[in-house]
Amino acid sequence: SDGFTDYRKMARNSLLAGRVQSDMLMVRISSKK
């Protein structure tokens, strides 16, 4: 259960980091436009 909880936290953090990265890419693209 602790392993699944840790995995869930890591998965959520990874998902959040991916969303930040994709939105930052859109920030860059809009500034270049």
All heavy atoms as atom14 arrays in JSON, in Angstrom:
{
  "sequence": "SDGFTDYRKMARNSLLAGRVQSDMLMVRISSKK",
  "atom14_mask": [
    [1, 1, 1, 1, 1, 1, 0, 0, 0, 0, 0, 0, 0, 0],
    [1, 1, 1, 1, 1, 1, 1, 1, 0, 0, 0, 0, 0, 0],
    [1, 1, 1, 1, 0, 0, 0, 0, 0, 0, 0, 0, 0, 0],
    [1, 1, 1, 1, 1, 1, 1, 1, 1, 1, 1, 0, 0, 0],
    [1, 1, 1, 1, 1, 1, 1, 0, 0, 0, 0, 0, 0, 0],
    [1, 1, 1, 1, 1, 1, 1, 1, 0, 0, 0, 0, 0, 0],
    [1, 1, 1, 1, 1, 1, 1, 1, 1, 1, 1, 1, 0, 0],
    [1, 1, 1, 1, 1, 1, 1, 1, 1, 1, 1, 0, 0, 0],
    [1, 1, 1, 1, 1, 1, 1, 1, 1, 0, 0, 0, 0, 0],
    [1, 1, 1, 1, 1, 1, 1, 1, 0, 0, 0, 0, 0, 0],
    [1, 1, 1, 1, 1, 0, 0, 0, 0, 0, 0, 0, 0, 0],
    [1, 1, 1, 1, 1, 1, 1, 1, 1, 1, 1, 0, 0, 0],
    [1, 1, 1, 1, 1, 1, 1, 1, 0, 0, 0, 0, 0, 0],
    [1, 1, 1, 1, 1, 1, 0, 0, 0, 0, 0, 0, 0, 0],
    [1, 1, 1, 1, 1, 1, 1, 1, 0, 0, 0, 0, 0, 0],
    [1, 1, 1, 1, 1, 1, 1, 1, 0, 0, 0, 0, 0, 0],
    [1, 1, 1, 1, 1, 0, 0, 0, 0, 0, 0, 0, 0, 0],
    [1, 1, 1, 1, 0, 0, 0, 0, 0, 0, 0, 0, 0, 0],
    [1, 1, 1, 1, 1, 1, 1, 1, 1, 1, 1, 0, 0, 0],
    [1, 1, 1, 1, 1, 1, 1, 0, 0, 0, 0, 0, 0, 0],
    [1, 1, 1, 1, 1, 1, 1, 1, 1, 0, 0, 0, 0, 0],
    [1, 1, 1, 1, 1, 1, 0, 0, 0, 0, 0, 0, 0, 0],
    [1, 1, 1, 1, 1, 1, 1, 1, 0, 0, 0, 0, 0, 0],
    [1, 1, 1, 1, 1, 1, 1, 1, 0, 0, 0, 0, 0, 0],
    [1, 1, 1, 1, 1, 1, 1, 1, 0, 0, 0, 0, 0, 0],
    [1, 1, 1, 1, 1, 1, 1, 1, 0, 0, 0, 0, 0, 0],
    [1, 1, 1, 1, 1, 1, 1, 0, 0, 0, 0, 0, 0, 0],
    [1, 1, 1, 1, 1, 1, 1, 1, 1, 1, 1, 0, 0, 0],
    [1, 1, 1, 1, 1, 1, 1, 1, 0, 0, 0, 0, 0, 0],
    [1, 1, 1, 1, 1, 1, 0, 0, 0, 0, 0, 0, 0, 0],
    [1, 1, 1, 1, 1, 1, 0, 0, 0, 0, 0, 0, 0, 0],
    [1, 1, 1, 1, 1, 1, 1, 1, 1, 0, 0, 0, 0, 0],
    [1, 1, 1, 1, 1, 1, 1, 1, 1, 0, 0, 0, 0, 0]
  ],
  "atom14_positions": [
    [[0.83, -1.2, 0.0], [0.0, 0.0, 0.0], [0.87, 1.25, 0.0], [0.59, 2.21, -0.72], [-0.91, -0.01, 1.23], [-1.62, 1.2, 1.33], [0.0, 0.0, 0.0], [0.0, 0.0, 0.0], [0.0, 0.0, 0.0], [0.0, 0.0, 0.0], [0.0, 0.0, 0.0], [0.0, 0.0, 0.0], [0.0, 0.0, 0.0], [0.0, 0.0, 0.0]],
    [[1.94, 1.24, 0.81], [2.86, 2.38, 0.83], [3.52, 2.56, -0.54], [3.71, 3.68, -1.01], [3.92, 2.2, 1.91], [3.36, 2.3, 3.32], [2.23, 2.81, 3.46], [4.05, 1.87, 4.26], [0.0, 0.0, 0.0], [0.0, 0.0, 0.0], [0.0, 0.0, 0.0], [0.0, 0.0, 0.0], [0.0, 0.0, 0.0], [0.0, 0.0, 0.0]],
    [[3.87, 1.46, -1.17], [4.47, 1.51, -2.5], [3.52, 2.11, -3.51], [3.91, 2.94, -4.34], [0.0, 0.0, 0.0], [0.0, 0.0, 0.0], [0.0, 0.0, 0.0], [0.0, 0.0, 0.0], [0.0, 0.0, 0.0], [0.0, 0.0, 0.0], [0.0, 0.0, 0.0], [0.0, 0.0, 0.0], [0.0, 0.0, 0.0], [0.0, 0.0, 0.0]],
    [[2.24, 1.73, -3.45], [1.25, 2.3, -4.37], [1.03, 3.78, -4.08], [0.86, 4.58, -4.99], [-0.08, 1.54, -4.28], [-0.08, 0.23, -4.99], [-0.37, -0.94, -4.31], [0.23, 0.15, -6.34], [-0.36, -2.16, -4.97], [0.24, -1.06, -7.0], [-0.05, -2.22, -6.3], [0.0, 0.0, 0.0], [0.0, 0.0, 0.0], [0.0, 0.0, 0.0]],
    [[1.05, 4.14, -2.8], [0.89, 5.55, -2.44], [2.06, 6.37, -2.98], [1.86, 7.45, -3.56], [0.8, 5.71, -0.91], [-0.3, 4.93, -0.43], [0.6, 7.16, -0.52], [0.0, 0.0, 0.0], [0.0, 0.0, 0.0], [0.0, 0.0, 0.0], [0.0, 0.0, 0.0], [0.0, 0.0, 0.0], [0.0, 0.0, 0.0], [0.0, 0.0, 0.0]],
    [[3.28, 5.84, -2.81], [4.45, 6.54, -3.35], [4.38, 6.63, -4.87], [4.7, 7.67, -5.45], [5.74, 5.83, -2.93], [6.02, 5.94, -1.44], [5.41, 6.82, -0.78], [6.84, 5.14, -0.93], [0.0, 0.0, 0.0], [0.0, 0.0, 0.0], [0.0, 0.0, 0.0], [0.0, 0.0, 0.0], [0.0, 0.0, 0.0], [0.0, 0.0, 0.0]],
    [[3.97, 5.54, -5.49], [3.85, 5.54, -6.95], [2.81, 6.57, -7.4], [3.02, 7.3, -8.36], [3.46, 4.15, -7.45], [3.13, 4.14, -8.92], [4.14, 4.2, -9.87], [1.81, 4.12, -9.36], [3.85, 4.22, -11.22], [1.51, 4.14, -10.71], [2.53, 4.19, -11.63], [2.23, 4.22, -12.97], [0.0, 0.0, 0.0], [0.0, 0.0, 0.0]],
    [[1.7, 6.64, -6.7], [0.65, 7.6, -7.05], [1.16, 9.03, -6.94], [0.89, 9.87, -7.8], [-0.55, 7.4, -6.14], [-1.72, 8.29, -6.47], [-2.96, 7.9, -5.65], [-4.07, 8.74, -6.0], [-4.47, 9.78, -5.28], [-3.86, 10.08, -4.16], [-5.5, 10.5, -5.67], [0.0, 0.0, 0.0], [0.0, 0.0, 0.0], [0.0, 0.0, 0.0]],
    [[1.92, 9.33, -5.88], [2.49, 10.67, -5.71], [3.45, 10.99, -6.86], [3.42, 12.08, -7.43], [3.24, 10.78, -4.38], [2.36, 10.9, -3.17], [3.2, 10.99, -1.9], [2.35, 10.96, -0.65], [3.18, 10.95, 0.57], [0.0, 0.0, 0.0], [0.0, 0.0, 0.0], [0.0, 0.0, 0.0], [0.0, 0.0, 0.0], [0.0, 0.0, 0.0]],
    [[4.31, 10.01, -7.19], [5.26, 10.24, -8.27], [4.54, 10.42, -9.6], [4.91, 11.27, -10.41], [6.24, 9.06, -8.37], [7.26, 9.05, -7.27], [8.58, 7.8, -7.38], [8.02, 6.58, -8.48], [0.0, 0.0, 0.0], [0.0, 0.0, 0.0], [0.0, 0.0, 0.0], [0.0, 0.0, 0.0], [0.0, 0.0, 0.0], [0.0, 0.0, 0.0]],
    [[3.49, 9.63, -9.82], [2.74, 9.75, -11.08], [2.05, 11.11, -11.16], [2.06, 11.76, -12.22], [1.72, 8.63, -11.18], [0.0, 0.0, 0.0], [0.0, 0.0, 0.0], [0.0, 0.0, 0.0], [0.0, 0.0, 0.0], [0.0, 0.0, 0.0], [0.0, 0.0, 0.0], [0.0, 0.0, 0.0], [0.0, 0.0, 0.0], [0.0, 0.0, 0.0]],
    [[1.47, 11.56, -10.07], [0.82, 12.88, -10.07], [1.83, 13.99, -10.28], [1.58, 14.94, -11.04], [0.07, 13.1, -8.75], [-1.19, 12.26, -8.63], [-1.88, 12.52, -7.35], [-2.3, 13.91, -7.33], [-3.27, 14.37, -6.57], [-3.91, 13.58, -5.78], [-3.59, 15.64, -6.6], [0.0, 0.0, 0.0], [0.0, 0.0, 0.0], [0.0, 0.0, 0.0]],
    [[3.0, 13.88, -9.63], [4.05, 14.89, -9.81], [4.55, 14.89, -11.25], [4.78, 15.96, -11.83], [5.21, 14.65, -8.85], [4.84, 14.93, -7.41], [3.83, 15.55, -7.11], [5.66, 14.45, -6.5], [0.0, 0.0, 0.0], [0.0, 0.0, 0.0], [0.0, 0.0, 0.0], [0.0, 0.0, 0.0], [0.0, 0.0, 0.0], [0.0, 0.0, 0.0]],
    [[4.7, 13.72, -11.83], [5.15, 13.63, -13.22], [4.11, 14.22, -14.17], [4.46, 14.93, -15.12], [5.41, 12.17, -13.6], [6.48, 11.66, -12.86], [0.0, 0.0, 0.0], [0.0, 0.0, 0.0], [0.0, 0.0, 0.0], [0.0, 0.0, 0.0], [0.0, 0.0, 0.0], [0.0, 0.0, 0.0], [0.0, 0.0, 0.0], [0.0, 0.0, 0.0]],
    [[2.86, 13.92, -13.92], [1.79, 14.48, -14.75], [1.76, 16.0, -14.64], [1.66, 16.7, -15.66], [0.44, 13.89, -14.33], [-0.78, 14.39, -15.09], [-0.69, 13.97, -16.56], [-2.06, 13.86, -14.46], [0.0, 0.0, 0.0], [0.0, 0.0, 0.0], [0.0, 0.0, 0.0], [0.0, 0.0, 0.0], [0.0, 0.0, 0.0], [0.0, 0.0, 0.0]],
    [[1.9, 16.5, -13.44], [1.91, 17.95, -13.22], [3.1, 18.59, -13.92], [2.97, 19.62, -14.58], [1.94, 18.23, -11.72], [1.66, 19.64, -11.24], [0.32, 20.13, -11.76], [1.67, 19.67, -9.72], [0.0, 0.0, 0.0], [0.0, 0.0, 0.0], [0.0, 0.0, 0.0], [0.0, 0.0, 0.0], [0.0, 0.0, 0.0], [0.0, 0.0, 0.0]],
    [[4.27, 17.96, -13.8], [5.47, 18.48, -14.47], [5.29, 18.47, -15.99], [5.71, 19.4, -16.68], [6.69, 17.66, -14.06], [0.0, 0.0, 0.0], [0.0, 0.0, 0.0], [0.0, 0.0, 0.0], [0.0, 0.0, 0.0], [0.0, 0.0, 0.0], [0.0, 0.0, 0.0], [0.0, 0.0, 0.0], [0.0, 0.0, 0.0], [0.0, 0.0, 0.0]],
    [[4.67, 17.43, -16.51], [4.42, 17.37, -17.95], [3.48, 18.47, -18.42], [3.69, 19.07, -19.48], [0.0, 0.0, 0.0], [0.0, 0.0, 0.0], [0.0, 0.0, 0.0], [0.0, 0.0, 0.0], [0.0, 0.0, 0.0], [0.0, 0.0, 0.0], [0.0, 0.0, 0.0], [0.0, 0.0, 0.0], [0.0, 0.0, 0.0], [0.0, 0.0, 0.0]],
    [[2.46, 18.75, -17.63], [1.53, 19.83, -17.98], [2.22, 21.19, -17.93], [2.0, 22.04, -18.79], [0.31, 19.8, -17.07], [-0.59, 18.6, -17.36], [-1.81, 18.56, -16.49], [-2.64, 19.74, -16.69], [-3.55, 20.15, -15.83], [-3.74, 19.47, -14.71], [-4.26, 21.22, -16.07], [0.0, 0.0, 0.0], [0.0, 0.0, 0.0], [0.0, 0.0, 0.0]],
    [[3.08, 21.39, -16.92], [3.84, 22.64, -16.84], [4.73, 22.77, -18.07], [4.79, 23.84, -18.7], [4.7, 22.7, -15.55], [5.71, 23.83, -15.6], [3.81, 22.86, -14.32], [0.0, 0.0, 0.0], [0.0, 0.0, 0.0], [0.0, 0.0, 0.0], [0.0, 0.0, 0.0], [0.0, 0.0, 0.0], [0.0, 0.0, 0.0], [0.0, 0.0, 0.0]],
    [[5.37, 21.68, -18.43], [6.27, 21.7, -19.58], [5.51, 22.0, -20.88], [5.96, 22.81, -21.69], [6.99, 20.36, -19.67], [8.15, 20.34, -20.61], [8.92, 19.03, -20.54], [8.41, 18.03, -20.03], [10.12, 19.03, -21.04], [0.0, 0.0, 0.0], [0.0, 0.0, 0.0], [0.0, 0.0, 0.0], [0.0, 0.0, 0.0], [0.0, 0.0, 0.0]],
    [[4.36, 21.38, -21.07], [3.61, 21.62, -22.31], [3.06, 23.04, -22.36], [3.09, 23.69, -23.41], [2.48, 20.6, -22.47], [1.49, 20.79, -21.49], [0.0, 0.0, 0.0], [0.0, 0.0, 0.0], [0.0, 0.0, 0.0], [0.0, 0.0, 0.0], [0.0, 0.0, 0.0], [0.0, 0.0, 0.0], [0.0, 0.0, 0.0], [0.0, 0.0, 0.0]],
    [[2.59, 23.55, -21.23], [2.09, 24.93, -21.22], [3.23, 25.93, -21.4], [3.06, 26.96, -22.06], [1.32, 25.22, -19.93], [-0.1, 24.69, -19.97], [-0.51, 24.17, -21.02], [-0.8, 24.8, -18.94], [0.0, 0.0, 0.0], [0.0, 0.0, 0.0], [0.0, 0.0, 0.0], [0.0, 0.0, 0.0], [0.0, 0.0, 0.0], [0.0, 0.0, 0.0]],
    [[4.4, 25.61, -20.86], [5.56, 26.5, -21.05], [5.97, 26.52, -22.51], [6.37, 27.56, -23.04], [6.72, 26.05, -20.16], [7.85, 27.04, -20.11], [7.33, 28.64, -19.47], [8.39, 29.7, -20.42], [0.0, 0.0, 0.0], [0.0, 0.0, 0.0], [0.0, 0.0, 0.0], [0.0, 0.0, 0.0], [0.0, 0.0, 0.0], [0.0, 0.0, 0.0]],
    [[5.85, 25.39, -23.18], [6.12, 25.34, -24.61], [5.16, 26.26, -25.36], [5.57, 27.0, -26.26], [6.02, 23.91, -25.15], [6.2, 23.74, -26.65], [7.61, 24.13, -27.06], [5.91, 22.3, -27.05], [0.0, 0.0, 0.0], [0.0, 0.0, 0.0], [0.0, 0.0, 0.0], [0.0, 0.0, 0.0], [0.0, 0.0, 0.0], [0.0, 0.0, 0.0]],
    [[3.9, 26.26, -24.96], [2.92, 27.14, -25.6], [3.22, 28.61, -25.3], [3.0, 29.48, -26.15], [1.5, 26.77, -25.17], [1.05, 25.4, -25.66], [1.23, 25.17, -27.44], [0.1, 26.38, -28.07], [0.0, 0.0, 0.0], [0.0, 0.0, 0.0], [0.0, 0.0, 0.0], [0.0, 0.0, 0.0], [0.0, 0.0, 0.0], [0.0, 0.0, 0.0]],
    [[3.74, 28.89, -24.12], [4.16, 30.26, -23.79], [5.26, 30.69, -24.75], [5.23, 31.8, -25.31], [4.63, 30.36, -22.31], [5.35, 31.67, -22.05], [3.46, 30.21, -21.36], [0.0, 0.0, 0.0], [0.0, 0.0, 0.0], [0.0, 0.0, 0.0], [0.0, 0.0, 0.0], [0.0, 0.0, 0.0], [0.0, 0.0, 0.0], [0.0, 0.0, 0.0]],
    [[6.23, 29.81, -24.94], [7.35, 30.12, -25.86], [6.85, 30.32, -27.28], [7.26, 31.24, -27.98], [8.36, 28.95, -25.86], [9.43, 29.09, -24.86], [10.57, 28.08, -25.08], [11.32, 28.42, -26.26], [11.59, 27.57, -27.25], [11.17, 26.34, -27.21], [12.31, 27.95, -28.29], [0.0, 0.0, 0.0], [0.0, 0.0, 0.0], [0.0, 0.0, 0.0]],
    [[5.96, 29.44, -27.73], [5.45, 29.54, -29.11], [4.69, 30.85, -29.29], [4.86, 31.53, -30.31], [4.58, 28.32, -29.45], [5.47, 27.07, -29.61], [3.76, 28.55, -30.71], [4.7, 25.77, -29.74], [0.0, 0.0, 0.0], [0.0, 0.0, 0.0], [0.0, 0.0, 0.0], [0.0, 0.0, 0.0], [0.0, 0.0, 0.0], [0.0, 0.0, 0.0]],
    [[3.86, 31.22, -28.33], [3.1, 32.46, -28.47], [4.02, 33.68, -28.43], [3.77, 34.66, -29.13], [2.0, 32.56, -27.41], [2.54, 32.54, -26.12], [0.0, 0.0, 0.0], [0.0, 0.0, 0.0], [0.0, 0.0, 0.0], [0.0, 0.0, 0.0], [0.0, 0.0, 0.0], [0.0, 0.0, 0.0], [0.0, 0.0, 0.0], [0.0, 0.0, 0.0]],
    [[5.11, 33.62, -27.66], [6.04, 34.76, -27.67], [6.78, 34.83, -29.0], [7.01, 35.93, -29.53], [7.02, 34.67, -26.5], [7.84, 33.54, -26.6], [0.0, 0.0, 0.0], [0.0, 0.0, 0.0], [0.0, 0.0, 0.0], [0.0, 0.0, 0.0], [0.0, 0.0, 0.0], [0.0, 0.0, 0.0], [0.0, 0.0, 0.0], [0.0, 0.0, 0.0]],
    [[7.13, 33.69, -29.58], [7.78, 33.69, -30.89], [6.82, 34.2, -31.97], [7.22, 34.93, -32.87], [8.28, 32.29, -31.24], [9.52, 31.88, -30.48], [9.95, 30.47, -30.79], [10.55, 30.43, -32.16], [11.13, 29.09, -32.46], [0.0, 0.0, 0.0], [0.0, 0.0, 0.0], [0.0, 0.0, 0.0], [0.0, 0.0, 0.0], [0.0, 0.0, 0.0]],
    [[5.54, 33.81, -31.87], [4.54, 34.31, -32.82], [4.43, 35.83, -32.71], [4.26, 36.51, -33.72], [3.18, 33.67, -32.57], [3.03, 32.28, -33.08], [1.6, 31.81, -32.8], [1.37, 30.38, -33.17], [0.0, 29.96, -32.8], [0.0, 0.0, 0.0], [0.0, 0.0, 0.0], [0.0, 0.0, 0.0], [0.0, 0.0, 0.0], [0.0, 0.0, 0.0]]
  ]
}
